Protein backbone atom coordinates (compact mmCIF):
# COMPACT_ATOMS: atom_id res chain seq x y z
CA MET A 1 -72.29 13.80 -9.60
CA ARG A 2 -70.53 14.87 -6.39
CA ASP A 3 -71.48 14.20 -2.72
CA ALA A 4 -72.66 17.81 -1.61
CA SER A 5 -71.49 16.81 2.31
CA ASN A 6 -68.31 16.04 0.84
CA HIS A 7 -67.44 18.95 -1.76
CA SER A 8 -64.66 20.84 0.11
CA GLY A 9 -65.83 19.96 3.71
CA ARG A 10 -67.83 23.02 3.44
CA PHE A 11 -71.33 21.86 4.77
CA LYS A 12 -70.47 20.05 7.94
CA SER A 13 -70.66 23.19 9.64
CA GLU A 14 -73.36 24.16 12.02
CA THR A 15 -76.24 26.27 11.39
CA ARG A 16 -77.36 28.97 13.37
CA CYS A 17 -80.80 30.62 14.83
CA PRO A 18 -80.97 34.54 14.36
CA ASP A 19 -80.04 35.09 17.94
CA GLY A 20 -76.52 32.97 17.04
CA ALA A 21 -77.71 30.19 18.99
CA SER A 22 -75.92 26.96 17.79
CA ARG A 23 -77.81 24.22 16.43
CA GLY A 24 -77.57 21.07 14.01
CA LEU A 25 -79.13 21.14 10.92
CA LEU A 26 -82.32 18.78 11.47
CA SER A 27 -82.10 18.80 15.42
CA ALA A 28 -84.36 20.91 17.64
CA SER A 29 -83.59 24.37 18.88
CA SER A 30 -84.55 26.31 21.96
CA SER A 31 -84.79 29.52 19.72
CA CYS A 32 -86.41 28.17 16.49
CA GLY A 33 -88.15 25.70 18.13
CA GLN A 34 -89.10 22.07 16.94
CA ASP A 35 -87.92 21.31 13.32
CA VAL A 36 -91.09 20.99 11.22
CA PHE A 37 -89.15 21.06 7.99
CA THR A 38 -86.87 18.10 7.39
CA ASP A 39 -85.73 19.37 3.66
CA LEU A 40 -86.49 21.84 1.20
CA SER A 41 -89.08 19.71 -1.29
CA GLY A 42 -90.44 22.30 -3.99
CA PHE A 43 -88.76 25.36 -2.16
CA ILE A 44 -86.71 27.92 -4.40
CA ASP A 45 -84.63 30.69 -3.06
CA ILE A 46 -85.13 33.86 -5.63
CA HIS A 47 -82.09 35.87 -3.71
CA VAL A 48 -78.87 33.88 -3.30
CA HIS A 49 -75.11 34.67 -3.60
CA SER A 50 -72.22 32.47 -4.27
CA ALA A 51 -68.90 32.70 -5.85
CA PRO A 52 -67.00 33.81 -7.74
CA SER A 53 -67.71 37.49 -6.59
CA ILE A 54 -66.01 40.51 -5.22
CA PHE A 55 -67.66 39.78 -2.17
CA ALA A 56 -66.30 36.88 0.11
CA ARG A 57 -68.85 34.04 -0.32
CA SER A 58 -69.70 30.64 2.03
CA VAL A 59 -70.28 28.76 -1.12
CA ASP A 60 -69.21 28.72 -4.91
CA ASP A 61 -71.97 28.37 -7.73
CA GLU A 62 -71.53 24.23 -7.61
CA GLU A 63 -71.25 23.91 -3.87
CA LEU A 64 -74.58 25.91 -3.77
CA ALA A 65 -76.21 23.47 -6.25
CA LEU A 66 -75.08 20.81 -4.76
CA GLU A 67 -76.30 21.66 -1.35
CA ALA A 68 -79.60 22.22 -2.76
CA GLU A 69 -79.64 18.87 -4.23
CA ALA A 70 -79.07 17.58 -0.90
CA LEU A 71 -81.67 19.21 0.89
CA LYS A 72 -84.38 18.38 -2.21
CA MET A 73 -84.82 22.31 -2.89
CA ARG A 74 -86.36 22.65 -6.47
CA GLY A 75 -84.15 25.72 -7.32
CA PHE A 76 -82.93 28.93 -6.76
CA VAL A 77 -81.87 32.25 -8.55
CA LEU A 78 -78.13 33.20 -8.77
CA LYS A 79 -77.70 37.22 -8.06
CA ALA A 80 -74.04 39.02 -7.79
CA HIS A 81 -74.13 42.71 -7.43
CA GLU A 82 -71.37 42.90 -10.48
CA GLU A 83 -72.36 41.01 -13.22
CA SER A 84 -75.32 39.16 -14.87
CA THR A 85 -75.32 35.48 -13.79
CA ALA A 86 -77.17 34.08 -16.90
CA SER A 87 -74.26 32.32 -18.12
CA ARG A 88 -73.35 30.71 -14.87
CA ALA A 89 -76.81 29.68 -14.26
CA GLN A 90 -77.15 28.05 -17.66
CA LEU A 91 -73.85 25.95 -16.69
CA LEU A 92 -75.03 25.06 -13.48
CA ARG A 93 -78.54 23.58 -15.26
CA GLU A 94 -76.47 21.77 -17.94
CA ARG A 95 -74.67 19.70 -14.44
CA HIS A 96 -77.85 19.70 -12.29
CA SER A 97 -80.74 19.07 -14.60
CA ASN A 98 -83.00 18.53 -11.92
CA LEU A 99 -82.95 21.72 -10.54
CA ASP A 100 -84.43 24.95 -11.92
CA ILE A 101 -81.67 27.26 -11.86
CA PHE A 102 -81.69 31.17 -13.15
CA GLY A 103 -79.65 34.05 -13.15
CA CYS A 104 -80.32 37.82 -13.11
CA ILE A 105 -78.94 40.86 -13.71
CA VAL A 106 -78.20 43.87 -11.22
CA LEU A 107 -78.13 47.29 -13.01
CA ASN A 108 -74.84 48.50 -11.03
CA TRP A 109 -71.90 50.47 -12.74
CA PHE A 110 -70.26 46.94 -13.27
CA VAL A 111 -72.96 46.45 -16.27
CA GLY A 112 -73.15 50.06 -17.13
CA GLY A 113 -75.86 51.22 -14.58
CA ILE A 114 -79.51 51.54 -16.36
CA ASN A 115 -78.57 49.91 -19.21
CA PRO A 116 -80.92 48.63 -22.16
CA TYR A 117 -78.10 47.12 -24.01
CA ALA A 118 -76.90 44.99 -21.07
CA THR A 119 -80.67 44.36 -19.98
CA GLU A 120 -81.49 42.95 -23.27
CA LEU A 121 -78.41 40.52 -23.65
CA ALA A 122 -78.80 39.32 -20.16
CA ILE A 123 -82.40 38.35 -20.99
CA TYR A 124 -81.90 36.76 -24.19
CA GLN A 125 -79.19 34.55 -22.22
CA GLY A 126 -81.98 33.61 -19.92
CA ALA A 127 -82.15 36.05 -17.01
CA LYS A 128 -85.24 35.95 -14.82
CA ILE A 129 -85.32 39.07 -13.08
CA VAL A 130 -83.90 42.45 -13.70
CA TRP A 131 -82.77 44.57 -10.47
CA MET A 132 -82.34 47.96 -10.60
CA PRO A 133 -79.27 49.15 -8.89
CA THR A 134 -77.78 47.71 -5.50
CA GLY A 135 -74.26 49.00 -4.36
CA SER A 136 -74.43 51.70 -7.26
CA ALA A 137 -77.78 53.11 -6.01
CA GLN A 138 -77.70 56.69 -4.55
CA GLN A 139 -79.59 55.46 -1.32
CA HIS A 140 -76.86 52.42 -0.99
CA ILE A 141 -74.20 55.02 -1.30
CA ASP A 142 -75.44 57.39 1.37
CA TYR A 143 -76.47 54.71 3.89
CA TYR A 144 -73.18 52.95 3.94
CA GLY A 145 -70.82 55.75 2.69
CA GLY A 146 -69.85 54.39 -0.34
CA SER A 147 -70.35 51.02 -2.73
CA ASP A 148 -69.53 48.28 -0.08
CA TYR A 149 -71.03 46.85 2.93
CA SER A 150 -70.28 47.40 6.63
CA ALA A 151 -71.16 43.93 7.28
CA GLN A 152 -69.24 42.61 4.15
CA PRO A 153 -66.77 44.12 3.09
CA ALA A 154 -65.34 43.56 -0.67
CA LYS A 155 -61.95 41.74 -1.10
CA ARG A 156 -60.69 44.74 -2.90
CA LYS A 157 -61.05 48.51 -2.91
CA LEU A 158 -63.73 49.51 -5.42
CA ARG A 159 -63.44 52.46 -7.48
CA PRO A 160 -65.89 55.62 -6.04
CA GLN A 161 -69.05 55.62 -8.07
CA PRO A 162 -71.28 58.21 -8.50
CA GLY A 163 -75.02 57.52 -6.90
CA ILE A 164 -77.67 56.28 -9.62
CA ARG A 165 -80.88 57.74 -8.94
CA ILE A 166 -83.79 56.80 -11.38
CA ILE A 167 -85.63 60.41 -10.68
CA ASP A 168 -83.33 63.23 -12.05
CA GLU A 169 -82.82 66.67 -10.00
CA ASP A 170 -86.13 67.60 -11.65
CA GLY A 171 -87.93 65.12 -10.71
CA ASN A 172 -88.49 63.34 -14.19
CA VAL A 173 -87.58 59.79 -14.33
CA ILE A 174 -84.32 58.92 -16.38
CA PRO A 175 -84.92 58.24 -19.95
CA ALA A 176 -83.26 54.63 -19.86
CA LEU A 177 -85.39 53.56 -17.51
CA TYR A 178 -88.41 53.34 -19.91
CA ASP A 179 -86.32 51.14 -22.24
CA VAL A 180 -85.32 48.87 -19.32
CA LEU A 181 -88.62 48.76 -18.27
CA ASP A 182 -90.24 48.00 -21.80
CA LEU A 183 -88.09 45.25 -22.46
CA VAL A 184 -88.96 43.59 -19.33
CA ALA A 185 -92.21 43.96 -20.12
CA GLU A 186 -91.66 42.41 -23.55
CA HIS A 187 -90.19 39.04 -22.25
CA ASP A 188 -92.51 38.90 -19.33
CA VAL A 189 -89.60 38.97 -16.69
CA VAL A 190 -89.47 40.13 -13.31
CA ALA A 191 -88.82 43.64 -12.53
CA ALA A 192 -87.07 44.18 -9.03
CA SER A 193 -86.36 47.18 -6.99
CA GLY A 194 -82.61 46.84 -5.73
CA HIS A 195 -81.54 49.12 -3.46
CA LEU A 196 -83.61 52.33 -4.68
CA SER A 197 -84.84 54.50 -1.66
CA PRO A 198 -88.28 54.10 -0.54
CA GLU A 199 -89.29 57.33 -2.41
CA GLU A 200 -87.85 55.91 -5.59
CA THR A 201 -89.52 52.36 -5.21
CA VAL A 202 -92.99 53.47 -5.11
CA VAL A 203 -92.11 55.36 -8.53
CA PHE A 204 -90.66 52.59 -9.77
CA VAL A 205 -93.61 50.30 -8.75
CA LYS A 206 -95.90 52.62 -10.46
CA LEU A 207 -93.94 52.94 -13.51
CA ALA A 208 -93.55 49.10 -14.02
CA LYS A 209 -97.10 48.74 -13.65
CA GLU A 210 -97.83 51.69 -16.22
CA ARG A 211 -95.33 49.90 -18.80
CA GLY A 212 -97.26 46.68 -18.67
CA ILE A 213 -94.90 44.52 -16.28
CA ARG A 214 -96.68 41.38 -14.66
CA LYS A 215 -94.14 40.57 -12.12
CA ILE A 216 -92.99 43.62 -9.92
CA LEU A 217 -90.42 42.06 -6.73
CA VAL A 218 -89.81 44.97 -4.00
CA ALA A 219 -86.52 44.12 -2.49
CA HIS A 220 -86.10 43.45 1.52
CA PRO A 221 -88.09 45.96 2.88
CA ASP A 222 -87.22 44.93 6.51
CA LEU A 223 -83.33 45.35 5.66
CA GLY A 224 -81.80 48.73 7.23
CA ILE A 225 -80.67 50.07 3.76
CA ASN A 226 -84.04 50.34 2.30
CA LYS A 227 -86.59 49.70 5.14
CA MET A 228 -89.97 50.67 4.66
CA THR A 229 -93.03 51.27 7.16
CA LEU A 230 -95.69 48.33 6.99
CA GLU A 231 -98.03 50.80 5.41
CA LEU A 232 -95.73 51.42 2.52
CA GLN A 233 -95.25 48.10 2.05
CA ARG A 234 -98.99 47.79 1.82
CA GLU A 235 -99.25 50.37 -0.71
CA LEU A 236 -96.75 48.79 -3.22
CA VAL A 237 -98.77 45.40 -2.69
CA LYS A 238 -102.09 47.29 -3.75
CA HIS A 239 -99.74 48.74 -6.69
CA GLY A 240 -99.59 45.35 -7.91
CA ALA A 241 -95.93 44.23 -6.24
CA VAL A 242 -94.74 41.44 -4.27
CA VAL A 243 -92.76 41.80 -1.45
CA GLU A 244 -89.99 39.96 -0.35
CA LYS A 245 -89.30 38.59 3.21
CA SER A 246 -85.87 37.94 3.72
CA TYR A 247 -84.13 36.12 6.67
CA LEU A 248 -81.04 38.61 6.20
CA PRO A 249 -82.48 41.50 8.15
CA LEU A 250 -82.78 38.87 10.84
CA MET A 251 -79.03 37.96 11.21
CA PRO A 252 -77.28 39.60 13.94
CA SER A 253 -74.88 41.32 11.92
CA TRP A 254 -77.79 42.84 9.91
CA ARG A 255 -80.56 43.07 12.27
CA SER A 256 -82.97 45.54 11.09
CA VAL A 257 -86.23 43.93 12.27
CA GLU A 258 -87.53 41.66 15.38
CA MET A 259 -89.07 38.30 14.85
CA ASP A 260 -92.37 39.67 16.30
CA GLU A 261 -92.48 42.63 13.58
CA PHE A 262 -91.65 40.41 10.77
CA ILE A 263 -94.22 37.74 11.61
CA HIS A 264 -96.76 41.07 11.80
CA SER A 265 -96.02 42.10 8.25
CA ILE A 266 -96.47 38.71 6.94
CA ARG A 267 -100.01 38.56 8.36
CA VAL A 268 -100.83 42.07 7.38
CA LEU A 269 -99.76 42.18 3.66
CA GLY A 270 -100.80 38.25 3.11
CA PRO A 271 -98.98 35.45 2.33
CA GLU A 272 -100.24 35.67 -1.41
CA ASN A 273 -98.11 38.82 -1.47
CA CYS A 274 -94.85 37.67 0.16
CA VAL A 275 -91.80 35.81 -1.43
CA LEU A 276 -89.18 34.26 1.16
CA GLN A 277 -85.69 34.25 0.45
CA THR A 278 -82.57 34.04 2.34
CA ASP A 279 -80.33 36.90 0.49
CA PHE A 280 -77.68 34.54 1.66
CA GLY A 281 -73.97 33.18 0.63
CA GLN A 282 -72.34 36.24 3.08
CA ALA A 283 -68.86 34.02 4.55
CA ASN A 284 -69.92 34.83 8.14
CA HIS A 285 -73.70 33.11 7.48
CA VAL A 286 -74.66 29.24 7.38
CA THR A 287 -74.34 28.63 4.02
CA PRO A 288 -77.67 29.27 1.89
CA ALA A 289 -79.62 26.25 1.69
CA ARG A 290 -79.08 25.26 4.95
CA GLY A 291 -80.18 28.76 5.95
CA TYR A 292 -83.19 28.55 4.04
CA LEU A 293 -84.05 25.30 5.99
CA GLU A 294 -83.65 27.57 9.23
CA PHE A 295 -85.58 30.28 7.91
CA VAL A 296 -88.71 28.15 7.47
CA ASN A 297 -88.62 26.24 10.40
CA CYS A 298 -88.10 29.43 12.28
CA LEU A 299 -91.81 30.97 10.65
CA VAL A 300 -93.30 28.13 11.65
CA ASN A 301 -92.42 27.86 15.04
CA ASN A 302 -92.77 31.50 15.22
CA GLY A 303 -96.82 31.00 14.45
CA ILE A 304 -97.04 30.88 10.35
CA SER A 305 -99.07 27.90 8.61
CA VAL A 306 -96.67 25.17 6.91
CA ALA A 307 -99.31 26.31 4.07
CA ASP A 308 -98.37 29.99 3.94
CA ILE A 309 -95.04 28.98 4.20
CA ARG A 310 -95.09 26.95 0.91
CA MET A 311 -97.31 29.56 -0.69
CA MET A 312 -94.52 32.31 -0.11
CA GLY A 313 -91.47 30.01 -0.49
CA CYS A 314 -92.76 27.35 -3.57
CA GLU A 315 -95.87 28.69 -5.31
CA ASN A 316 -94.94 32.81 -5.31
CA PRO A 317 -91.50 32.08 -6.43
CA ALA A 318 -92.74 29.26 -9.27
CA ASN A 319 -95.06 32.14 -10.59
CA LEU A 320 -92.32 34.77 -10.88
CA LEU A 321 -90.43 32.50 -12.70
CA ASP A 322 -93.34 30.71 -14.99
CA LEU A 323 -92.58 27.75 -13.55
CA PRO A 324 -95.71 25.34 -12.86
CA PHE A 325 -96.54 24.94 -9.14
CA LYS A 326 -95.22 21.69 -7.73
CA SER A 327 -97.56 21.15 -4.68
């Protein structure tokens, strides 16, 4: 096994707090306060990006796994906007059997959009999360003016895509969505909202519940692209969804929520209804596992208890992934 600290020299960089203040990985910080967590034992990041990708990434798959091992993480879910990551996750599991590593599929045009055939194959290959469209979602295209990201441009110019909505012009749910959700229910994996509009997300959550899906995940409702009011987040929780609480909306180039608002939302929703994730992997951010460590220390130093952080970062992700909880 290679040493994570030496692989490509990637993991010697400093980490940064949300305000950009530089700090060493395990040192105290005036912005984030004292480091209560010195490793990530038991934590699972259910939403993380790595290379290969059409977007510049801070780590490749192998580097991500090595860093996770170095910080004693339990595991992660690889996410890619452009392909199923189920096969990539399988290869990583074979090399890193001490980690729980899973893949997912995002139903962008790269895999045919809301496509039950691609969904079924990804699930058979071990995908644990089926995401609604991100870069191909009409909401995303309207927000960014295309399928790219202003804070994270693709390495190649992307062919213009028609926006995907899960509701047609007459207000009806598109038929393919029923097929996809029925597959998710049959195989008891996670249905996740992606970059749907807040209005579509309500339809998605209610329909997923009606189709018998047990595990429904609302993507980063604090991020600008699909930002939701706290009242709407509460409504989605009442319908059975779990809500992501992501580090990304606190980053300078993506900032769409302030820390006090973020902390308040966790308290209102309850930690039992929230899942922590970084959504990291962008080349201009600290590497994902180090970002996660920074994230949990920022939370505890802003008043969230260690027990609640472990519920959101260890227990709830394990439940979504059908893993036994390790205290």
